């Protein structure tokens, strides 16, 4: 339809985008990840777990994120292909990453609540999820913004002068989130160990 409307460049990038997304889907094992989410969704629904709601919400957020990322690629698409594959990938990440961070946080919340209710002894293993998701997302966001800015992509809202600040602060905040997550995990593990020790003493 894009050819009929007189936008062959758009049609080309759509075809390339679909093929590229499929290769990423298979090459990075995203098919197994998605199958895992679907299986977890079925299990949580059958067991009446709270994570059923969060998994359902995550799927919607991921779809929205991928859609916005794809439209961001179209927004900065150059008909002469001067941007190159790397900048198209960075523009996709720049558009999609915030939605994917929220999706990861929603999933983490559901997992943490279910573990807290049903398997509290395993809470230490999952408590770091939201911190690491945020950390990775912020670093990816800063890196994509930096690369697009210093490459002087036409229409990009961040100028080269501000690019350094974006990647510096996003990396700093990301590492801070990761460190806080490790600290929270350590404190929680210590607290659970003390509770288990007290329970054993009371039993004796």
N, C-alpha and C. Protein backbone atom coordinates (compact mmCIF):
# COMPACT_ATOMS: atom_id res chain seq x y z
N UNK A 1 0.82 -1.20 0.00
CA UNK A 1 0.00 0.00 0.00
C UNK A 1 0.86 1.26 0.00
N UNK A 2 2.06 1.16 0.61
CA UNK A 2 2.95 2.32 0.63
C UNK A 2 3.44 2.65 -0.78
N UNK A 3 3.66 1.65 -1.63
CA UNK A 3 4.04 1.89 -3.01
C UNK A 3 2.92 2.60 -3.77
N UNK A 4 1.70 2.16 -3.54
CA UNK A 4 0.55 2.75 -4.21
C UNK A 4 0.38 4.21 -3.83
N UNK A 5 0.63 4.53 -2.54
CA UNK A 5 0.48 5.90 -2.05
C UNK A 5 1.66 6.78 -2.41
N UNK A 6 2.67 6.18 -3.03
CA UNK A 6 3.81 6.97 -3.46
C UNK A 6 4.92 7.10 -2.44
N UNK A 7 5.01 6.14 -1.50
CA UNK A 7 6.06 6.17 -0.48
C UNK A 7 6.86 4.87 -0.52
N UNK A 8 7.59 4.64 -1.62
CA UNK A 8 8.34 3.38 -1.72
C UNK A 8 9.40 3.23 -0.64
N UNK A 9 9.99 4.36 -0.17
CA UNK A 9 10.99 4.28 0.88
C UNK A 9 10.41 3.72 2.16
N UNK A 10 9.21 4.15 2.49
CA UNK A 10 8.55 3.65 3.69
C UNK A 10 8.28 2.16 3.57
N UNK A 11 7.85 1.74 2.38
CA UNK A 11 7.59 0.31 2.16
C UNK A 11 8.86 -0.50 2.34
N UNK A 12 9.97 0.04 1.86
CA UNK A 12 11.25 -0.67 1.98
C UNK A 12 11.66 -0.84 3.44
N UNK A 13 11.56 0.24 4.21
CA UNK A 13 11.98 0.16 5.61
C UNK A 13 11.04 -0.74 6.40
N UNK A 14 9.76 -0.80 6.01
CA UNK A 14 8.83 -1.70 6.69
C UNK A 14 9.25 -3.15 6.45
N UNK A 15 9.56 -3.48 5.19
CA UNK A 15 9.98 -4.84 4.85
C UNK A 15 11.26 -5.20 5.58
N UNK A 16 12.25 -4.28 5.54
CA UNK A 16 13.52 -4.52 6.23
C UNK A 16 13.29 -4.66 7.73
N UNK A 17 12.41 -3.81 8.28
CA UNK A 17 12.12 -3.85 9.71
C UNK A 17 11.50 -5.17 10.12
N UNK A 18 10.55 -5.66 9.33
CA UNK A 18 9.90 -6.93 9.65
C UNK A 18 10.89 -8.08 9.60
N UNK A 19 11.73 -8.09 8.56
CA UNK A 19 12.74 -9.14 8.44
C UNK A 19 13.74 -9.06 9.60
N UNK A 20 14.18 -7.83 9.90
CA UNK A 20 15.13 -7.64 10.99
C UNK A 20 14.56 -8.06 12.33
N UNK A 21 13.30 -7.72 12.59
CA UNK A 21 12.66 -8.11 13.85
C UNK A 21 12.54 -9.62 13.95
N UNK A 22 12.25 -10.27 12.81
CA UNK A 22 12.15 -11.73 12.83
C UNK A 22 13.50 -12.37 13.14
N UNK A 23 14.57 -11.82 12.52
CA UNK A 23 15.91 -12.37 12.78
C UNK A 23 16.30 -12.16 14.23
N UNK A 24 15.98 -10.98 14.79
CA UNK A 24 16.24 -10.75 16.21
C UNK A 24 15.43 -11.71 17.07
N UNK A 25 14.18 -11.92 16.66
CA UNK A 25 13.27 -12.79 17.39
C UNK A 25 13.83 -14.20 17.50
N UNK A 26 14.39 -14.70 16.39
CA UNK A 26 14.94 -16.06 16.38
C UNK A 26 16.38 -16.09 16.89
N UNK A 27 17.18 -15.13 16.46
CA UNK A 27 18.60 -15.15 16.78
C UNK A 27 18.91 -14.97 18.25
N UNK A 28 18.13 -14.13 18.94
CA UNK A 28 18.38 -13.87 20.35
C UNK A 28 17.50 -14.72 21.27
N UNK A 29 16.80 -15.70 20.68
CA UNK A 29 16.00 -16.59 21.50
C UNK A 29 14.77 -15.95 22.10
N UNK A 30 14.29 -14.86 21.46
CA UNK A 30 13.11 -14.19 21.98
C UNK A 30 11.87 -15.06 21.87
N UNK A 31 11.90 -16.02 20.92
CA UNK A 31 10.76 -16.92 20.78
C UNK A 31 10.60 -17.75 22.05
N UNK A 32 11.74 -18.22 22.60
CA UNK A 32 11.68 -19.00 23.85
C UNK A 32 11.24 -18.12 25.01
N UNK A 33 11.70 -16.86 25.01
CA UNK A 33 11.32 -15.93 26.07
C UNK A 33 9.81 -15.68 26.05
N UNK A 34 9.28 -15.45 24.86
CA UNK A 34 7.84 -15.19 24.74
C UNK A 34 7.03 -16.42 25.08
N UNK A 35 7.52 -17.59 24.64
CA UNK A 35 6.84 -18.84 25.01
C UNK A 35 6.86 -19.02 26.53
N UNK A 36 7.98 -18.62 27.15
CA UNK A 36 8.06 -18.71 28.60
C UNK A 36 7.04 -17.81 29.28
N UNK A 37 6.86 -16.58 28.75
CA UNK A 37 5.86 -15.66 29.31
C UNK A 37 4.46 -16.24 29.14
N UNK A 38 4.19 -16.81 27.95
CA UNK A 38 2.86 -17.38 27.70
C UNK A 38 2.59 -18.54 28.64
N UNK A 39 3.60 -19.41 28.84
CA UNK A 39 3.44 -20.53 29.76
C UNK A 39 3.24 -20.05 31.19
N UNK A 40 4.02 -19.02 31.57
CA UNK A 40 3.85 -18.44 32.91
C UNK A 40 2.48 -17.81 33.07
N UNK A 41 2.01 -17.21 31.98
CA UNK A 41 0.68 -16.59 32.00
C UNK A 41 -0.40 -17.64 32.23
N UNK A 42 -0.28 -18.76 31.54
CA UNK A 42 -1.25 -19.85 31.71
C UNK A 42 -1.19 -20.41 33.13
N UNK A 43 0.04 -20.62 33.62
CA UNK A 43 0.19 -21.18 34.96
C UNK A 43 -0.36 -20.24 36.02
N UNK A 44 -0.07 -18.95 35.88
CA UNK A 44 -0.55 -17.99 36.88
C UNK A 44 -2.07 -17.85 36.83
N UNK A 45 -2.64 -17.99 35.63
CA UNK A 45 -4.09 -17.90 35.51
C UNK A 45 -4.75 -19.11 36.17
N UNK A 46 -4.17 -20.31 35.93
CA UNK A 46 -4.78 -21.52 36.48
C UNK A 46 -4.65 -21.58 38.00
N UNK A 47 -3.61 -20.93 38.54
CA UNK A 47 -3.39 -20.96 39.98
C UNK A 47 -3.94 -19.72 40.68
N UNK A 48 -4.53 -18.83 39.90
CA UNK A 48 -5.12 -17.62 40.48
C UNK A 48 -4.09 -16.68 41.05
N UNK A 49 -2.90 -16.60 40.44
CA UNK A 49 -1.84 -15.75 40.95
C UNK A 49 -1.99 -14.32 40.45
N UNK A 50 -1.44 -13.38 41.24
CA UNK A 50 -1.49 -11.97 40.87
C UNK A 50 -0.71 -11.70 39.59
N UNK A 51 0.34 -12.48 39.35
CA UNK A 51 1.19 -12.25 38.18
C UNK A 51 0.44 -12.43 36.87
N UNK A 52 -0.73 -13.07 36.90
CA UNK A 52 -1.54 -13.17 35.67
C UNK A 52 -1.86 -11.78 35.15
N UNK A 53 -2.23 -10.88 36.05
CA UNK A 53 -2.55 -9.51 35.66
C UNK A 53 -1.31 -8.80 35.12
N UNK A 54 -0.18 -8.96 35.81
CA UNK A 54 1.02 -8.25 35.40
C UNK A 54 1.59 -8.82 34.09
N UNK A 55 1.51 -10.13 33.91
CA UNK A 55 1.97 -10.71 32.64
C UNK A 55 1.12 -10.21 31.48
N UNK A 56 -0.18 -10.14 31.68
CA UNK A 56 -1.07 -9.63 30.64
C UNK A 56 -0.74 -8.18 30.31
N UNK A 57 -0.51 -7.39 31.34
CA UNK A 57 -0.14 -5.99 31.14
C UNK A 57 1.20 -5.87 30.44
N UNK A 58 2.13 -6.74 30.80
CA UNK A 58 3.46 -6.72 30.18
C UNK A 58 3.38 -6.94 28.68
N UNK A 59 2.56 -7.89 28.26
CA UNK A 59 2.42 -8.17 26.83
C UNK A 59 1.93 -6.94 26.08
N UNK A 60 0.95 -6.25 26.66
CA UNK A 60 0.42 -5.03 26.04
C UNK A 60 1.50 -3.97 25.96
N UNK A 61 2.26 -3.79 27.05
CA UNK A 61 3.31 -2.76 27.08
C UNK A 61 4.43 -3.07 26.09
N UNK A 62 4.78 -4.35 25.95
CA UNK A 62 5.82 -4.73 24.99
C UNK A 62 5.36 -4.43 23.56
N UNK A 63 4.11 -4.75 23.26
CA UNK A 63 3.57 -4.46 21.92
C UNK A 63 3.61 -2.96 21.66
N UNK A 64 3.19 -2.16 22.65
CA UNK A 64 3.22 -0.71 22.50
C UNK A 64 4.66 -0.23 22.30
N UNK A 65 5.58 -0.77 23.09
CA UNK A 65 6.98 -0.37 22.98
C UNK A 65 7.56 -0.67 21.61
N UNK A 66 7.30 -1.87 21.10
CA UNK A 66 7.80 -2.24 19.78
C UNK A 66 7.17 -1.37 18.70
N UNK A 67 5.91 -1.06 18.86
CA UNK A 67 5.24 -0.21 17.86
C UNK A 67 5.84 1.19 17.84
N UNK A 68 6.03 1.78 19.02
CA UNK A 68 6.60 3.12 19.10
C UNK A 68 8.05 3.10 18.60
N UNK A 69 8.79 2.06 18.94
CA UNK A 69 10.16 1.94 18.43
C UNK A 69 10.19 1.87 16.93
N UNK A 70 9.26 1.14 16.34
CA UNK A 70 9.20 1.02 14.89
C UNK A 70 8.87 2.35 14.24
N UNK A 71 7.92 3.08 14.83
CA UNK A 71 7.56 4.38 14.29
C UNK A 71 8.68 5.40 14.48
N UNK A 72 9.49 5.23 15.52
CA UNK A 72 10.65 6.10 15.70
C UNK A 72 11.66 5.87 14.59
N UNK A 73 11.84 4.61 14.20
CA UNK A 73 12.71 4.29 13.07
C UNK A 73 12.20 4.98 11.81
N UNK A 74 10.90 4.89 11.56
CA UNK A 74 10.31 5.54 10.39
C UNK A 74 10.49 7.06 10.45
N UNK A 75 10.43 7.60 11.64
CA UNK A 75 10.53 9.05 11.81
C UNK A 75 11.91 9.57 11.40
N UNK A 76 12.96 8.77 11.70
CA UNK A 76 14.31 9.20 11.38
C UNK A 76 14.87 8.48 10.15
N UNK A 77 13.97 7.83 9.43
CA UNK A 77 14.40 7.08 8.24
C UNK A 77 14.90 8.03 7.17
N UNK A 78 16.06 7.71 6.59
CA UNK A 78 16.62 8.50 5.49
C UNK A 78 16.47 7.71 4.20
N UNK A 79 15.89 8.34 3.20
CA UNK A 79 15.62 7.65 1.93
C UNK A 79 16.91 7.20 1.24
N UNK A 80 18.02 7.87 1.54
CA UNK A 80 19.28 7.49 0.90
C UNK A 80 20.09 6.48 1.71
N UNK A 81 19.45 5.95 2.78
CA UNK A 81 20.08 4.95 3.63
C UNK A 81 21.39 5.44 4.26
N UNK A 82 21.50 6.76 4.44
CA UNK A 82 22.74 7.32 4.97
C UNK A 82 22.92 7.04 6.46
N UNK A 83 21.85 6.69 7.15
CA UNK A 83 21.97 6.47 8.58
C UNK A 83 22.69 5.17 8.91
N UNK A 84 22.41 4.13 8.16
CA UNK A 84 23.03 2.84 8.45
C UNK A 84 22.24 2.04 9.46
N UNK A 85 22.52 0.74 9.54
CA UNK A 85 21.76 -0.17 10.39
C UNK A 85 21.90 0.19 11.86
N UNK A 86 23.10 0.55 12.31
CA UNK A 86 23.33 0.84 13.72
C UNK A 86 22.43 1.97 14.20
N UNK A 87 22.32 3.04 13.43
CA UNK A 87 21.50 4.18 13.86
C UNK A 87 20.02 3.83 13.84
N UNK A 88 19.60 2.95 12.94
CA UNK A 88 18.21 2.52 12.95
C UNK A 88 17.91 1.69 14.19
N UNK A 89 18.86 0.85 14.57
CA UNK A 89 18.70 0.06 15.80
C UNK A 89 18.65 0.99 17.01
N UNK A 90 19.53 1.98 17.04
CA UNK A 90 19.55 2.93 18.15
C UNK A 90 18.25 3.75 18.22
N UNK A 91 17.71 4.12 17.06
CA UNK A 91 16.46 4.87 17.06
C UNK A 91 15.30 4.00 17.54
N UNK A 92 15.35 2.71 17.22
CA UNK A 92 14.33 1.79 17.72
C UNK A 92 14.42 1.69 19.24
N UNK A 93 15.64 1.52 19.75
CA UNK A 93 15.83 1.43 21.20
C UNK A 93 15.37 2.71 21.88
N UNK A 94 15.74 3.86 21.29
CA UNK A 94 15.38 5.15 21.86
C UNK A 94 13.87 5.30 21.99
N UNK A 95 13.14 4.83 20.99
CA UNK A 95 11.68 4.96 21.02
C UNK A 95 11.00 3.94 21.91
N UNK A 96 11.58 2.74 21.99
CA UNK A 96 10.88 1.64 22.67
C UNK A 96 11.29 1.43 24.11
N UNK A 97 12.48 1.87 24.50
CA UNK A 97 13.08 1.40 25.74
C UNK A 97 12.27 1.77 26.98
N UNK A 98 11.69 2.96 27.03
CA UNK A 98 10.96 3.36 28.23
C UNK A 98 9.74 2.46 28.46
N UNK A 99 9.06 2.11 27.38
CA UNK A 99 7.91 1.20 27.49
C UNK A 99 8.38 -0.18 27.92
N UNK A 100 9.54 -0.61 27.42
CA UNK A 100 10.06 -1.92 27.79
C UNK A 100 10.52 -1.94 29.25
N UNK A 101 11.05 -0.80 29.73
CA UNK A 101 11.41 -0.71 31.14
C UNK A 101 10.17 -0.87 32.01
N UNK A 102 9.11 -0.15 31.65
CA UNK A 102 7.86 -0.25 32.42
C UNK A 102 7.32 -1.68 32.37
N UNK A 103 7.42 -2.32 31.19
CA UNK A 103 6.97 -3.71 31.08
C UNK A 103 7.76 -4.62 32.00
N UNK A 104 9.08 -4.41 32.04
CA UNK A 104 9.93 -5.21 32.93
C UNK A 104 9.61 -4.97 34.40
N UNK A 105 9.31 -3.72 34.75
CA UNK A 105 8.96 -3.41 36.14
C UNK A 105 7.63 -4.03 36.53
N UNK A 106 6.67 -4.00 35.61
CA UNK A 106 5.36 -4.60 35.89
C UNK A 106 5.50 -6.11 36.10
N UNK A 107 6.27 -6.76 35.22
CA UNK A 107 6.51 -8.20 35.38
C UNK A 107 7.20 -8.50 36.70
N UNK A 108 8.22 -7.69 37.01
CA UNK A 108 8.96 -7.90 38.26
C UNK A 108 8.04 -7.76 39.47
N UNK A 109 7.16 -6.78 39.41
CA UNK A 109 6.22 -6.57 40.52
C UNK A 109 5.35 -7.80 40.73
N UNK A 110 4.82 -8.35 39.64
CA UNK A 110 3.98 -9.54 39.76
C UNK A 110 4.73 -10.73 40.32
N UNK A 111 5.97 -10.92 39.85
CA UNK A 111 6.78 -12.04 40.33
C UNK A 111 7.09 -11.87 41.82
N UNK A 112 7.47 -10.65 42.23
CA UNK A 112 7.82 -10.40 43.63
C UNK A 112 6.62 -10.63 44.54
N UNK A 113 5.44 -10.15 44.13
CA UNK A 113 4.24 -10.33 44.95
C UNK A 113 3.89 -11.80 45.09
N UNK A 114 3.95 -12.55 43.98
CA UNK A 114 3.63 -13.98 44.04
C UNK A 114 4.63 -14.74 44.91
N UNK A 115 5.91 -14.41 44.76
CA UNK A 115 6.94 -15.09 45.57
C UNK A 115 6.76 -14.74 47.03
N UNK A 116 6.44 -13.47 47.32
CA UNK A 116 6.25 -13.06 48.70
C UNK A 116 5.09 -13.81 49.36
N UNK A 117 4.03 -14.03 48.58
CA UNK A 117 2.84 -14.70 49.12
C UNK A 117 3.05 -16.21 49.24
N UNK A 118 3.69 -16.81 48.22
CA UNK A 118 3.74 -18.27 48.15
C UNK A 118 5.09 -18.89 48.49
N UNK A 119 6.19 -18.19 48.19
CA UNK A 119 7.52 -18.77 48.40
C UNK A 119 8.45 -17.71 48.97
N UNK A 120 8.15 -17.24 50.15
CA UNK A 120 8.89 -16.10 50.70
C UNK A 120 10.38 -16.37 50.83
N UNK A 121 10.76 -17.63 50.96
CA UNK A 121 12.18 -17.95 51.10
C UNK A 121 12.96 -17.65 49.82
N UNK A 122 12.27 -17.56 48.68
CA UNK A 122 12.93 -17.26 47.41
C UNK A 122 12.88 -15.78 47.04
N UNK A 123 12.39 -14.96 47.96
CA UNK A 123 12.24 -13.53 47.67
C UNK A 123 13.58 -12.87 47.36
N UNK A 124 14.64 -13.35 47.98
CA UNK A 124 15.97 -12.78 47.76
C UNK A 124 16.38 -12.89 46.29
N UNK A 125 15.97 -13.97 45.64
CA UNK A 125 16.39 -14.22 44.26
C UNK A 125 15.73 -13.26 43.27
N UNK A 126 14.54 -12.76 43.59
CA UNK A 126 13.79 -11.97 42.62
C UNK A 126 13.71 -10.48 42.98
N UNK A 127 14.13 -10.12 44.17
CA UNK A 127 13.98 -8.73 44.62
C UNK A 127 14.81 -7.76 43.78
N UNK A 128 15.87 -8.26 43.15
CA UNK A 128 16.75 -7.38 42.37
C UNK A 128 16.23 -7.12 40.96
N UNK A 129 15.23 -7.87 40.52
CA UNK A 129 14.75 -7.75 39.14
C UNK A 129 14.42 -6.31 38.74
N UNK A 130 13.55 -5.61 39.49
CA UNK A 130 13.20 -4.25 39.06
C UNK A 130 14.39 -3.30 39.02
N UNK A 131 15.36 -3.49 39.91
CA UNK A 131 16.53 -2.62 39.94
C UNK A 131 17.41 -2.86 38.70
N UNK A 132 17.60 -4.13 38.35
CA UNK A 132 18.43 -4.44 37.20
C UNK A 132 17.74 -4.07 35.89
N UNK A 133 16.44 -4.26 35.83
CA UNK A 133 15.68 -3.86 34.63
C UNK A 133 15.83 -2.36 34.40
N UNK A 134 15.65 -1.58 35.46
CA UNK A 134 15.78 -0.14 35.36
C UNK A 134 17.20 0.26 34.97
N UNK A 135 18.19 -0.39 35.57
CA UNK A 135 19.59 -0.07 35.29
C UNK A 135 19.93 -0.31 33.82
N UNK A 136 19.59 -1.48 33.32
CA UNK A 136 19.89 -1.81 31.93
C UNK A 136 19.14 -0.88 30.99
N UNK A 137 17.88 -0.61 31.30
CA UNK A 137 17.07 0.26 30.45
C UNK A 137 17.62 1.67 30.38
N UNK A 138 18.03 2.23 31.52
CA UNK A 138 18.58 3.59 31.54
C UNK A 138 19.88 3.68 30.76
N UNK A 139 20.72 2.67 30.90
CA UNK A 139 22.00 2.68 30.17
C UNK A 139 21.76 2.57 28.67
N UNK A 140 20.83 1.72 28.25
CA UNK A 140 20.50 1.60 26.84
C UNK A 140 19.90 2.90 26.30
N UNK A 141 19.06 3.53 27.10
CA UNK A 141 18.46 4.80 26.69
C UNK A 141 19.53 5.86 26.49
N UNK A 142 20.45 5.98 27.45
CA UNK A 142 21.51 6.96 27.33
C UNK A 142 22.42 6.69 26.15
N UNK A 143 22.75 5.41 25.93
CA UNK A 143 23.63 5.05 24.82
C UNK A 143 22.97 5.37 23.47
N UNK A 144 21.68 5.03 23.34
CA UNK A 144 20.98 5.30 22.08
C UNK A 144 20.86 6.80 21.83
N UNK A 145 20.53 7.56 22.88
CA UNK A 145 20.41 9.02 22.73
C UNK A 145 21.76 9.62 22.36
N UNK A 146 22.82 9.14 22.97
CA UNK A 146 24.16 9.67 22.70
C UNK A 146 24.56 9.41 21.24
N UNK A 147 24.39 8.17 20.79
CA UNK A 147 24.80 7.81 19.43
C UNK A 147 24.01 8.59 18.40
N UNK A 148 22.70 8.71 18.60
CA UNK A 148 21.87 9.45 17.66
C UNK A 148 22.22 10.94 17.66
N UNK A 149 22.53 11.47 18.84
CA UNK A 149 22.83 12.90 18.94
C UNK A 149 24.16 13.24 18.27
N UNK A 150 25.21 12.47 18.57
CA UNK A 150 26.53 12.79 18.00
C UNK A 150 26.58 12.48 16.51
N UNK A 151 25.64 11.66 16.04
CA UNK A 151 25.58 11.36 14.62
C UNK A 151 24.80 12.42 13.85
N UNK A 152 24.28 13.41 14.59
CA UNK A 152 23.54 14.53 13.98
C UNK A 152 22.40 14.04 13.09
N UNK A 153 21.61 13.09 13.63
CA UNK A 153 20.46 12.59 12.89
C UNK A 153 19.44 13.71 12.73
N UNK A 154 18.97 13.89 11.54
CA UNK A 154 18.05 14.99 11.24
C UNK A 154 16.76 14.86 12.05
N UNK A 155 16.39 15.96 12.73
CA UNK A 155 15.16 16.00 13.50
C UNK A 155 15.27 15.43 14.89
N UNK A 156 16.45 14.91 15.28
CA UNK A 156 16.59 14.33 16.62
C UNK A 156 16.59 15.46 17.65
N UNK A 157 15.78 15.33 18.73
CA UNK A 157 15.60 16.46 19.66
C UNK A 157 16.79 16.78 20.55
N UNK A 158 17.77 15.88 20.64
CA UNK A 158 18.93 16.10 21.50
C UNK A 158 20.12 16.50 20.65
N UNK A 159 20.75 17.61 21.00
CA UNK A 159 21.90 18.09 20.25
C UNK A 159 23.19 17.43 20.68
N UNK A 160 24.22 17.49 19.83
CA UNK A 160 25.52 16.89 20.18
C UNK A 160 26.10 17.42 21.49
N UNK A 161 25.83 18.71 21.79
CA UNK A 161 26.40 19.31 23.00
C UNK A 161 25.84 18.66 24.27
N UNK A 162 24.58 18.21 24.21
CA UNK A 162 23.95 17.61 25.39
C UNK A 162 24.10 16.09 25.43
N UNK A 163 24.69 15.51 24.38
CA UNK A 163 24.77 14.05 24.29
C UNK A 163 25.60 13.46 25.42
N UNK A 164 26.72 14.12 25.75
CA UNK A 164 27.58 13.60 26.80
C UNK A 164 26.89 13.55 28.15
N UNK A 165 26.08 14.59 28.43
CA UNK A 165 25.35 14.62 29.71
C UNK A 165 24.34 13.49 29.78
N UNK A 166 23.67 13.19 28.66
CA UNK A 166 22.65 12.14 28.63
C UNK A 166 23.27 10.79 28.98
N UNK A 167 24.35 10.44 28.32
CA UNK A 167 24.92 9.11 28.57
C UNK A 167 25.58 9.06 29.95
N UNK A 168 26.14 10.18 30.41
CA UNK A 168 26.78 10.19 31.72
C UNK A 168 25.75 10.00 32.83
N UNK A 169 24.66 10.79 32.78
CA UNK A 169 23.66 10.69 33.84
C UNK A 169 22.88 9.39 33.78
N UNK A 170 22.56 8.94 32.58
CA UNK A 170 21.81 7.68 32.48
C UNK A 170 22.65 6.51 32.97
N UNK A 171 23.94 6.52 32.66
CA UNK A 171 24.82 5.45 33.15
C UNK A 171 24.97 5.54 34.67
N UNK A 172 25.12 6.76 35.17
CA UNK A 172 25.25 6.95 36.62
C UNK A 172 24.01 6.48 37.36
N UNK A 173 22.84 6.89 36.88
CA UNK A 173 21.59 6.46 37.51
C UNK A 173 21.40 4.95 37.37
N UNK A 174 21.77 4.40 36.21
CA UNK A 174 21.64 2.97 36.00
C UNK A 174 22.50 2.17 36.96
N UNK A 175 23.76 2.57 37.10
CA UNK A 175 24.65 1.88 38.03
C UNK A 175 24.19 2.04 39.47
N UNK A 176 23.65 3.23 39.78
CA UNK A 176 23.12 3.46 41.13
C UNK A 176 21.97 2.51 41.43
N UNK A 177 21.07 2.34 40.45
CA UNK A 177 19.94 1.41 40.62
C UNK A 177 20.44 -0.01 40.86
N UNK A 178 21.45 -0.42 40.08
CA UNK A 178 21.98 -1.78 40.24
C UNK A 178 22.61 -1.96 41.62
N UNK A 179 23.36 -0.96 42.08
CA UNK A 179 24.00 -1.04 43.40
C UNK A 179 22.94 -1.09 44.51
N UNK A 180 21.91 -0.25 44.37
CA UNK A 180 20.83 -0.26 45.37
C UNK A 180 20.16 -1.63 45.40
N UNK A 181 19.96 -2.22 44.23
CA UNK A 181 19.35 -3.55 44.16
C UNK A 181 20.18 -4.59 44.89
N UNK A 182 21.49 -4.54 44.70
CA UNK A 182 22.38 -5.49 45.38
C UNK A 182 22.33 -5.28 46.90
N UNK A 183 22.30 -4.00 47.31
CA UNK A 183 22.23 -3.71 48.75
C UNK A 183 20.92 -4.22 49.35
N UNK A 184 19.80 -3.97 48.64
CA UNK A 184 18.49 -4.44 49.11
C UNK A 184 18.49 -5.96 49.20
N UNK A 185 19.07 -6.62 48.21
CA UNK A 185 19.13 -8.08 48.23
C UNK A 185 19.95 -8.57 49.43
N UNK A 186 21.07 -7.92 49.70
CA UNK A 186 21.92 -8.31 50.81
C UNK A 186 21.20 -8.13 52.15
N UNK A 187 20.57 -6.96 52.33
CA UNK A 187 19.85 -6.69 53.58
C UNK A 187 18.71 -7.69 53.78
N UNK A 188 17.97 -7.96 52.70
CA UNK A 188 16.86 -8.90 52.79
C UNK A 188 17.35 -10.31 53.11
N UNK A 189 18.44 -10.72 52.46
CA UNK A 189 18.99 -12.05 52.72
C UNK A 189 19.43 -12.18 54.18
N UNK A 190 20.04 -11.12 54.70
CA UNK A 190 20.47 -11.14 56.10
C UNK A 190 19.28 -11.21 57.04
N UNK A 191 18.23 -10.45 56.70
CA UNK A 191 17.03 -10.44 57.56
C UNK A 191 16.33 -11.80 57.55
N UNK A 192 16.21 -12.40 56.37
CA UNK A 192 15.56 -13.71 56.28
C UNK A 192 16.38 -14.77 57.01
N UNK A 193 17.70 -14.65 56.94
CA UNK A 193 18.55 -15.61 57.64
C UNK A 193 18.35 -15.49 59.15
N UNK A 194 18.22 -14.27 59.63
CA UNK A 194 17.99 -14.06 61.06
C UNK A 194 16.63 -14.61 61.49
N UNK A 195 15.61 -14.41 60.65
CA UNK A 195 14.28 -14.92 60.97
C UNK A 195 14.28 -16.44 61.01
N UNK A 196 14.99 -17.06 60.06
CA UNK A 196 15.06 -18.52 60.05
C UNK A 196 15.82 -19.03 61.27
N UNK A 197 16.85 -18.30 61.67
CA UNK A 197 17.63 -18.68 62.85
C UNK A 197 16.77 -18.60 64.11
N UNK A 198 15.98 -17.51 64.21
CA UNK A 198 15.09 -17.35 65.36
C UNK A 198 14.02 -18.43 65.38
N UNK A 199 13.53 -18.80 64.20
CA UNK A 199 12.49 -19.85 64.12
C UNK A 199 13.04 -21.19 64.57
N UNK A 200 14.29 -21.47 64.21
CA UNK A 200 14.92 -22.72 64.63
C UNK A 200 15.11 -22.74 66.14
N UNK A 201 15.54 -21.61 66.70
CA UNK A 201 15.75 -21.53 68.15
C UNK A 201 14.43 -21.72 68.89
N UNK A 202 13.36 -21.09 68.36
CA UNK A 202 12.07 -21.24 69.02
C UNK A 202 11.56 -22.67 68.95
N UNK A 203 11.87 -23.34 67.85
CA UNK A 203 11.45 -24.74 67.68
C UNK A 203 12.17 -25.64 68.69
N UNK A 204 13.45 -25.35 68.87
CA UNK A 204 14.23 -26.14 69.83
C UNK A 204 13.76 -25.87 71.25
